[in-house]
Amino acid sequence: MGGDALEVRATDDEEEIEAAKRLRVEIFSGEQGVAREAELDGLDEEATHIVAIRRGEIVATCRLRFSGGRCKLERMVVDQTLRRTGIGAALLEEAEREAVRQGASEVILHAQRQAEDFYAACGYEAEGETFLEEGIPHVQMRRSLNEVDRRSGHDRRAS
């Protein structure tokens, strides 16, 4: 892959997971003041990690955890210099495709209130009251993956 092309996919190996975790710590701890120990919560081993790679570097990531037909999208970050360039939307779309591949019928996430409009534009609906995570206001959001199936042309029955 050359130039500015963007590759968005699940991680290939432990090295990529470690690089994704470093980016999360840089953003959540460095930019937002979240304790490193809170960010590295011990749940990464059970998660599927999605990354966006540009020029050989991981520039965005999120993780997915699955339970009972539901996918919880967590720890989504985009490198500060590349925000508002479409990379976050590309990452979210691949995360949704991966959730469909793993049999989930919906995605839930805890969105920082500052990112709520982004997720809403991507088809997520807020539910419930604002709550604090690590001192940052969040709202729970949800999206049915049936819509993702139609949008991507993927027929889950054919899998």
C-alpha atoms as a PDB file:
ATOM      1  CA  MET A   1       0.000   0.000   0.000  1.00  0.00           C
ATOM      2  CA  GLY A   2       1.539   3.308  -0.953  1.00  0.00           C
ATOM      3  CA  GLY A   3       1.026   7.020  -0.617  1.00  0.00           C
ATOM      4  CA  ASP A   4      -1.895   8.262   1.398  1.00  0.00           C
ATOM      5  CA  ALA A   5      -4.075   5.194   0.784  1.00  0.00           C
ATOM      6  CA  LEU A   6      -6.004   4.097   3.841  1.00  0.00           C
ATOM      7  CA  GLU A   7      -6.319   0.449   4.851  1.00  0.00           C
ATOM      8  CA  VAL A   8      -9.062  -0.324   7.390  1.00  0.00           C
ATOM      9  CA  ARG A   9      -9.284  -3.848   8.815  1.00  0.00           C
ATOM     10  CA  ALA A  10      -9.051  -6.072  11.858  1.00  0.00           C
ATOM     11  CA  THR A  11      -5.580  -6.300  13.363  1.00  0.00           C
ATOM     12  CA  ASP A  12      -3.229  -8.961  12.025  1.00  0.00           C
ATOM     13  CA  ASP A  13      -1.123  -9.586  15.096  1.00  0.00           C
ATOM     14  CA  GLU A  14      -0.154  -8.619  18.642  1.00  0.00           C
ATOM     15  CA  GLU A  15       2.211  -5.919  17.346  1.00  0.00           C
ATOM     16  CA  GLU A  16      -0.700  -4.079  15.721  1.00  0.00           C
ATOM     17  CA  ILE A  17      -2.806  -4.420  18.878  1.00  0.00           C
ATOM     18  CA  GLU A  18       0.035  -2.913  20.914  1.00  0.00           C
ATOM     19  CA  ALA A  19       0.352  -0.019  18.427  1.00  0.00           C
ATOM     20  CA  ALA A  20      -3.419   0.549  18.651  1.00  0.00           C
ATOM     21  CA  LYS A  21      -3.208   0.614  22.453  1.00  0.00           C
ATOM     22  CA  ARG A  22      -0.367   3.166  22.280  1.00  0.00           C
ATOM     23  CA  LEU A  23      -2.541   5.440  20.105  1.00  0.00           C
ATOM     24  CA  ARG A  24      -5.436   5.087  22.567  1.00  0.00           C
ATOM     25  CA  VAL A  25      -3.200   6.007  25.516  1.00  0.00           C
ATOM     26  CA  GLU A  26      -1.795   8.972  23.566  1.00  0.00           C
ATOM     27  CA  ILE A  27      -5.295  10.308  22.915  1.00  0.00           C
ATOM     28  CA  PHE A  28      -7.312   9.300  25.967  1.00  0.00           C
ATOM     29  CA  SER A  29      -4.558   9.819  28.536  1.00  0.00           C
ATOM     30  CA  GLY A  30      -2.428  12.460  26.816  1.00  0.00           C
ATOM     31  CA  GLU A  31      -5.188  14.631  25.336  1.00  0.00           C
ATOM     32  CA  GLN A  32      -8.113  13.936  27.636  1.00  0.00           C
ATOM     33  CA  GLY A  33      -6.491  13.170  30.978  1.00  0.00           C
ATOM     34  CA  VAL A  34      -7.859   9.631  31.411  1.00  0.00           C
ATOM     35  CA  ALA A  35      -5.679   7.566  33.724  1.00  0.00           C
ATOM     36  CA  ARG A  36      -3.502   5.105  31.778  1.00  0.00           C
ATOM     37  CA  GLU A  37      -4.693   2.303  34.083  1.00  0.00           C
ATOM     38  CA  ALA A  38      -8.325   3.095  33.259  1.00  0.00           C
ATOM     39  CA  GLU A  39      -7.615   3.060  29.531  1.00  0.00           C
ATOM     40  CA  LEU A  40      -5.711  -0.225  29.648  1.00  0.00           C
ATOM     41  CA  ASP A  41      -8.497  -2.069  31.462  1.00  0.00           C
ATOM     42  CA  GLY A  42      -7.442  -5.659  30.804  1.00  0.00           C
ATOM     43  CA  LEU A  43     -10.255  -6.326  28.287  1.00  0.00           C
ATOM     44  CA  ASP A  44      -8.161  -6.016  25.118  1.00  0.00           C
ATOM     45  CA  GLU A  45      -7.343  -9.732  24.941  1.00  0.00           C
ATOM     46  CA  GLU A  46     -11.018 -10.660  24.547  1.00  0.00           C
ATOM     47  CA  ALA A  47     -11.705  -7.922  21.978  1.00  0.00           C
ATOM     48  CA  THR A  48     -11.495  -7.669  18.204  1.00  0.00           C
ATOM     49  CA  HIS A  49      -9.428  -4.625  17.259  1.00  0.00           C
ATOM     50  CA  ILE A  50     -10.106  -2.598  14.108  1.00  0.00           C
ATOM     51  CA  VAL A  51      -7.399  -0.277  12.771  1.00  0.00           C
ATOM     52  CA  ALA A  52      -6.955   2.312  10.057  1.00  0.00           C
ATOM     53  CA  ILE A  53      -3.438   2.311   8.627  1.00  0.00           C
ATOM     54  CA  ARG A  54      -1.912   5.093   6.554  1.00  0.00           C
ATOM     55  CA  ARG A  55       1.732   5.233   5.460  1.00  0.00           C
ATOM     56  CA  GLY A  56       2.419   2.136   7.564  1.00  0.00           C
ATOM     57  CA  GLU A  57       1.150   3.743  10.784  1.00  0.00           C
ATOM     58  CA  ILE A  58      -2.018   3.057  12.749  1.00  0.00           C
ATOM     59  CA  VAL A  59      -3.908   6.369  12.670  1.00  0.00           C
ATOM     60  CA  ALA A  60      -7.252   5.233  14.119  1.00  0.00           C
ATOM     61  CA  THR A  61      -8.564   2.303  16.109  1.00  0.00           C
ATOM     62  CA  CYS A  62     -11.464   0.888  18.061  1.00  0.00           C
ATOM     63  CA  ARG A  63     -12.215  -2.386  19.748  1.00  0.00           C
ATOM     64  CA  LEU A  64     -15.268  -4.625  19.627  1.00  0.00           C
ATOM     65  CA  ARG A  65     -16.527  -6.926  22.359  1.00  0.00           C
ATOM     66  CA  PHE A  66     -19.368  -9.374  21.776  1.00  0.00           C
ATOM     67  CA  SER A  67     -22.072 -10.754  24.037  1.00  0.00           C
ATOM     68  CA  GLY A  68     -25.474 -12.250  23.259  1.00  0.00           C
ATOM     69  CA  GLY A  69     -25.802 -11.049  19.654  1.00  0.00           C
ATOM     70  CA  ARG A  70     -24.707  -7.555  20.599  1.00  0.00           C
ATOM     71  CA  CYS A  71     -21.460  -5.788  19.810  1.00  0.00           C
ATOM     72  CA  LYS A  72     -20.083  -3.126  22.116  1.00  0.00           C
ATOM     73  CA  LEU A  73     -17.835  -0.695  20.268  1.00  0.00           C
ATOM     74  CA  GLU A  74     -15.269   0.856  22.581  1.00  0.00           C
ATOM     75  CA  ARG A  75     -12.116   2.940  22.654  1.00  0.00           C
ATOM     76  CA  MET A  76     -12.546   4.600  19.269  1.00  0.00           C
ATOM     77  CA  VAL A  77      -9.836   7.153  18.493  1.00  0.00           C
ATOM     78  CA  VAL A  78      -8.479   8.979  15.447  1.00  0.00           C
ATOM     79  CA  ASP A  79      -5.081  10.672  15.369  1.00  0.00           C
ATOM     80  CA  GLN A  80      -5.573  14.350  16.220  1.00  0.00           C
ATOM     81  CA  THR A  81      -4.109  15.599  12.926  1.00  0.00           C
ATOM     82  CA  LEU A  82      -6.502  13.444  10.858  1.00  0.00           C
ATOM     83  CA  ARG A  83      -9.849  14.138  12.490  1.00  0.00           C
ATOM     84  CA  ARG A  84     -12.693  15.303  10.246  1.00  0.00           C
ATOM     85  CA  THR A  85     -11.106  13.626   7.193  1.00  0.00           C
ATOM     86  CA  GLY A  86     -13.474  10.626   6.924  1.00  0.00           C
ATOM     87  CA  ILE A  87     -11.145   8.178   8.652  1.00  0.00           C
ATOM     88  CA  GLY A  88     -13.469   7.854  11.657  1.00  0.00           C
ATOM     89  CA  ALA A  89     -16.432   7.039   9.413  1.00  0.00           C
ATOM     90  CA  ALA A  90     -14.359   4.462   7.502  1.00  0.00           C
ATOM     91  CA  LEU A  91     -13.266   2.876  10.786  1.00  0.00           C
ATOM     92  CA  LEU A  92     -16.852   2.768  12.056  1.00  0.00           C
ATOM     93  CA  GLU A  93     -18.105   1.181   8.815  1.00  0.00           C
ATOM     94  CA  GLU A  94     -15.480  -1.568   9.004  1.00  0.00           C
ATOM     95  CA  ALA A  95     -16.285  -2.137  12.687  1.00  0.00           C
ATOM     96  CA  GLU A  96     -19.950  -2.588  11.751  1.00  0.00           C
ATOM     97  CA  ARG A  97     -19.042  -5.038   8.953  1.00  0.00           C
ATOM     98  CA  GLU A  98     -16.908  -7.013  11.411  1.00  0.00           C
ATOM     99  CA  ALA A  99     -19.776  -7.050  13.920  1.00  0.00           C
ATOM    100  CA  VAL A 100     -22.065  -8.465  11.213  1.00  0.00           C
ATOM    101  CA  ARG A 101     -19.434 -11.109  10.336  1.00  0.00           C
ATOM    102  CA  GLN A 102     -19.332 -12.139  14.000  1.00  0.00           C
ATOM    103  CA  GLY A 103     -23.127 -12.446  14.171  1.00  0.00           C
ATOM    104  CA  ALA A 104     -24.116  -9.307  16.068  1.00  0.00           C
ATOM    105  CA  SER A 105     -27.536  -7.786  15.404  1.00  0.00           C
ATOM    106  CA  GLU A 106     -26.726  -4.376  16.893  1.00  0.00           C
ATOM    107  CA  VAL A 107     -23.887  -2.154  18.036  1.00  0.00           C
ATOM    108  CA  ILE A 108     -23.966  -0.177  21.249  1.00  0.00           C
ATOM    109  CA  LEU A 109     -21.405   2.367  22.353  1.00  0.00           C
ATOM    110  CA  HIS A 110     -20.782   5.023  24.959  1.00  0.00           C
ATOM    111  CA  ALA A 111     -20.169   8.209  22.988  1.00  0.00           C
ATOM    112  CA  GLN A 112     -18.457  11.206  24.454  1.00  0.00           C
ATOM    113  CA  ARG A 113     -21.008  13.997  24.165  1.00  0.00           C
ATOM    114  CA  GLN A 114     -18.549  15.930  21.976  1.00  0.00           C
ATOM    115  CA  ALA A 115     -18.690  13.019  19.456  1.00  0.00           C
ATOM    116  CA  GLU A 116     -22.457  12.428  19.630  1.00  0.00           C
ATOM    117  CA  ASP A 117     -23.188  14.301  16.385  1.00  0.00           C
ATOM    118  CA  PHE A 118     -20.612  12.192  14.528  1.00  0.00           C
ATOM    119  CA  TYR A 119     -22.227   8.935  15.646  1.00  0.00           C
ATOM    120  CA  ALA A 120     -25.734  10.282  14.971  1.00  0.00           C
ATOM    121  CA  ALA A 121     -24.687  11.142  11.405  1.00  0.00           C
ATOM    122  CA  CYS A 122     -23.540   7.518  11.069  1.00  0.00           C
ATOM    123  CA  GLY A 123     -26.964   6.166  12.059  1.00  0.00           C
ATOM    124  CA  TYR A 124     -26.669   5.809  15.846  1.00  0.00           C
ATOM    125  CA  GLU A 125     -29.452   6.874  18.193  1.00  0.00           C
ATOM    126  CA  ALA A 126     -28.824   8.245  21.664  1.00  0.00           C
ATOM    127  CA  GLU A 127     -30.717   6.702  24.549  1.00  0.00           C
ATOM    128  CA  GLY A 128     -30.895   7.584  28.197  1.00  0.00           C
ATOM    129  CA  GLU A 129     -29.310  10.312  30.220  1.00  0.00           C
ATOM    130  CA  THR A 130     -25.813  11.729  30.147  1.00  0.00           C
ATOM    131  CA  PHE A 131     -23.388   9.918  32.458  1.00  0.00           C
ATOM    132  CA  LEU A 132     -19.731  10.338  33.353  1.00  0.00           C
ATOM    133  CA  GLU A 133     -16.932   7.933  32.435  1.00  0.00           C
ATOM    134  CA  GLU A 134     -13.524   9.009  33.699  1.00  0.00           C
ATOM    135  CA  GLY A 135     -15.015  12.449  34.344  1.00  0.00           C
ATOM    136  CA  ILE A 136     -16.098  12.886  30.693  1.00  0.00           C
ATOM    137  CA  PRO A 137     -19.817  13.261  29.768  1.00  0.00           C
ATOM    138  CA  HIS A 138     -21.078  10.332  27.669  1.00  0.00           C
ATOM    139  CA  VAL A 139     -24.349   9.036  26.268  1.00  0.00           C
ATOM    140  CA  GLN A 140     -25.216   5.482  25.274  1.00  0.00           C
ATOM    141  CA  MET A 141     -25.973   5.098  21.571  1.00  0.00           C
ATOM    142  CA  ARG A 142     -27.273   2.156  19.568  1.00  0.00           C
ATOM    143  CA  ARG A 143     -27.612   1.067  15.948  1.00  0.00           C
ATOM    144  CA  SER A 144     -29.321  -1.954  14.441  1.00  0.00           C
ATOM    145  CA  LEU A 145     -27.059  -3.842  12.070  1.00  0.00           C
ATOM    146  CA  ASN A 146     -29.955  -4.804   9.809  1.00  0.00           C
ATOM    147  CA  GLU A 147     -29.464  -1.400   8.173  1.00  0.00           C
ATOM    148  CA  VAL A 148     -25.754  -2.093   7.766  1.00  0.00           C
ATOM    149  CA  ASP A 149     -26.563  -5.317   5.923  1.00  0.00           C
ATOM    150  CA  ARG A 150     -28.656  -3.465   3.356  1.00  0.00           C
ATOM    151  CA  ARG A 151     -26.220  -0.576   3.012  1.00  0.00           C
ATOM    152  CA  SER A 152     -23.225  -2.846   2.417  1.00  0.00           C
ATOM    153  CA  GLY A 153     -25.126  -5.302   0.228  1.00  0.00           C
ATOM    154  CA  HIS A 154     -24.106  -8.108   2.578  1.00  0.00           C
ATOM    155  CA  ASP A 155     -26.721 -10.810   3.035  1.00  0.00           C
ATOM    156  CA  ARG A 156     -26.140 -12.496   6.387  1.00  0.00           C
ATOM    157  CA  ARG A 157     -28.187 -15.527   5.273  1.00  0.00           C
ATOM    158  CA  ALA A 158     -25.605 -16.200   2.568  1.00  0.00           C
ATOM    159  CA  SER A 159     -22.727 -16.343   5.064  1.00  0.00           C
END
